[in-house]
Amino acid sequence: MKYDEVEWEAAACKGINTDLFFLERGEGVSFYPQLRKICQSCPIYSECLEYAVWNETEGFWAATTPNERQRLRSSSRRRDDAA
């Protein structure tokens, strides 16, 4: 999924200071519960997650950290390889 294929205007995080989503590794941990609530209630959560897993290596996207997205990518590749 490409960036311009997502309806970002409908995102629950629209209007929130995006700096909170791009703190240095380890700095944003205290914000994660609040950010996860925003993301999990978002009408475009699924699209954001699909985009983020394959395109974003930094920041907090779709209630996931960079490490969580890396694990999702690795898991998906293993399933594809097994198929």
C-alpha atoms as a PDB file:
ATOM      1  CA  MET A   1       0.000   0.000   0.000  1.00  0.00           C
ATOM      2  CA  LYS A   2       1.285   3.443  -0.918  1.00  0.00           C
ATOM      3  CA  TYR A   3       0.997   6.606   1.169  1.00  0.00           C
ATOM      4  CA  ASP A   4      -1.412   8.279  -1.240  1.00  0.00           C
ATOM      5  CA  GLU A   5      -3.738   5.254  -1.135  1.00  0.00           C
ATOM      6  CA  VAL A   6      -4.658   5.918   2.506  1.00  0.00           C
ATOM      7  CA  GLU A   7      -7.377   8.413   3.477  1.00  0.00           C
ATOM      8  CA  TRP A   8      -5.226  10.239   6.035  1.00  0.00           C
ATOM      9  CA  GLU A   9      -7.839  12.985   6.411  1.00  0.00           C
ATOM     10  CA  ALA A  10     -10.009  10.487   8.316  1.00  0.00           C
ATOM     11  CA  ALA A  11      -7.251   9.514  10.764  1.00  0.00           C
ATOM     12  CA  ALA A  12      -7.971   9.812  14.490  1.00  0.00           C
ATOM     13  CA  CYS A  13      -4.531  11.368  14.974  1.00  0.00           C
ATOM     14  CA  LYS A  14      -5.257  14.218  12.573  1.00  0.00           C
ATOM     15  CA  GLY A  15      -4.596  17.465  14.377  1.00  0.00           C
ATOM     16  CA  ILE A  16      -2.487  15.883  17.120  1.00  0.00           C
ATOM     17  CA  ASN A  17       1.107  17.051  17.399  1.00  0.00           C
ATOM     18  CA  THR A  18       2.884  14.437  15.289  1.00  0.00           C
ATOM     19  CA  ASP A  19       6.114  14.982  17.229  1.00  0.00           C
ATOM     20  CA  LEU A  20       4.582  12.662  19.865  1.00  0.00           C
ATOM     21  CA  PHE A  21       4.599   9.871  17.285  1.00  0.00           C
ATOM     22  CA  PHE A  22       8.273  10.395  16.380  1.00  0.00           C
ATOM     23  CA  LEU A  23      10.173  10.643  19.655  1.00  0.00           C
ATOM     24  CA  GLU A  24      13.617   9.146  20.047  1.00  0.00           C
ATOM     25  CA  ARG A  25      13.613   5.429  20.774  1.00  0.00           C
ATOM     26  CA  GLY A  26      12.701   4.864  24.415  1.00  0.00           C
ATOM     27  CA  GLU A  27      11.462   8.437  24.985  1.00  0.00           C
ATOM     28  CA  GLY A  28       7.894   7.821  23.866  1.00  0.00           C
ATOM     29  CA  VAL A  29       7.213   4.770  26.013  1.00  0.00           C
ATOM     30  CA  SER A  30       5.170   6.769  28.524  1.00  0.00           C
ATOM     31  CA  PHE A  31       2.928   7.984  25.678  1.00  0.00           C
ATOM     32  CA  TYR A  32       2.337   4.551  24.133  1.00  0.00           C
ATOM     33  CA  PRO A  33      -0.863   3.720  26.073  1.00  0.00           C
ATOM     34  CA  GLN A  34      -2.454   7.030  25.028  1.00  0.00           C
ATOM     35  CA  LEU A  35      -1.255   6.722  21.446  1.00  0.00           C
ATOM     36  CA  ARG A  36      -2.496   3.133  21.226  1.00  0.00           C
ATOM     37  CA  LYS A  37      -5.976   4.241  22.314  1.00  0.00           C
ATOM     38  CA  ILE A  38      -6.022   6.884  19.603  1.00  0.00           C
ATOM     39  CA  CYS A  39      -4.830   4.432  16.961  1.00  0.00           C
ATOM     40  CA  GLN A  40      -7.092   1.569  17.965  1.00  0.00           C
ATOM     41  CA  SER A  41     -10.181   3.786  17.728  1.00  0.00           C
ATOM     42  CA  CYS A  42      -9.155   5.108  14.320  1.00  0.00           C
ATOM     43  CA  PRO A  43     -11.416   4.509  11.308  1.00  0.00           C
ATOM     44  CA  ILE A  44      -8.380   3.916   9.067  1.00  0.00           C
ATOM     45  CA  TYR A  45      -6.423   1.752  11.523  1.00  0.00           C
ATOM     46  CA  SER A  46      -6.190  -1.242   9.155  1.00  0.00           C
ATOM     47  CA  GLU A  47      -4.985   0.824   6.211  1.00  0.00           C
ATOM     48  CA  CYS A  48      -2.498   2.689   8.385  1.00  0.00           C
ATOM     49  CA  LEU A  49      -1.151  -0.579   9.773  1.00  0.00           C
ATOM     50  CA  GLU A  50      -0.752  -2.119   6.333  1.00  0.00           C
ATOM     51  CA  TYR A  51       1.036   0.983   5.074  1.00  0.00           C
ATOM     52  CA  ALA A  52       3.249   1.287   8.157  1.00  0.00           C
ATOM     53  CA  VAL A  53       4.332  -2.354   8.297  1.00  0.00           C
ATOM     54  CA  TRP A  54       5.770  -2.208   4.794  1.00  0.00           C
ATOM     55  CA  ASN A  55       6.868   1.427   4.558  1.00  0.00           C
ATOM     56  CA  GLU A  56       7.785   2.919   7.927  1.00  0.00           C
ATOM     57  CA  THR A  57      10.829   2.051  10.015  1.00  0.00           C
ATOM     58  CA  GLU A  58      10.559   5.000  12.429  1.00  0.00           C
ATOM     59  CA  GLY A  59       7.807   6.427  14.576  1.00  0.00           C
ATOM     60  CA  PHE A  60       4.633   5.119  16.145  1.00  0.00           C
ATOM     61  CA  TRP A  61       2.143   4.077  13.447  1.00  0.00           C
ATOM     62  CA  ALA A  62      -1.131   2.167  13.829  1.00  0.00           C
ATOM     63  CA  ALA A  63      -0.468   1.436  17.495  1.00  0.00           C
ATOM     64  CA  THR A  64       2.879  -0.195  16.678  1.00  0.00           C
ATOM     65  CA  THR A  65       6.500   0.601  17.387  1.00  0.00           C
ATOM     66  CA  PRO A  66       9.266   0.119  14.821  1.00  0.00           C
ATOM     67  CA  ASN A  67      10.255  -3.156  16.512  1.00  0.00           C
ATOM     68  CA  GLU A  68       6.681  -4.449  16.436  1.00  0.00           C
ATOM     69  CA  ARG A  69       6.388  -3.627  12.737  1.00  0.00           C
ATOM     70  CA  GLN A  70       9.681  -5.403  12.057  1.00  0.00           C
ATOM     71  CA  ARG A  71       8.313  -8.530  13.747  1.00  0.00           C
ATOM     72  CA  LEU A  72       5.115  -8.282  11.660  1.00  0.00           C
ATOM     73  CA  ARG A  73       7.169  -7.984   8.451  1.00  0.00           C
ATOM     74  CA  SER A  74       9.330 -10.955   9.419  1.00  0.00           C
ATOM     75  CA  SER A  75       6.309 -13.046  10.357  1.00  0.00           C
ATOM     76  CA  SER A  76       4.574 -12.244   7.079  1.00  0.00           C
ATOM     77  CA  ARG A  77       7.650 -13.134   5.059  1.00  0.00           C
ATOM     78  CA  ARG A  78       7.993 -16.469   6.851  1.00  0.00           C
ATOM     79  CA  ARG A  79       4.343 -17.282   6.035  1.00  0.00           C
ATOM     80  CA  ASP A  80       4.907 -16.309   2.403  1.00  0.00           C
ATOM     81  CA  ASP A  81       8.023 -18.475   2.220  1.00  0.00           C
ATOM     82  CA  ALA A  82       6.130 -21.450   3.689  1.00  0.00           C
ATOM     83  CA  ALA A  83       3.297 -21.142   1.194  1.00  0.00           C
END
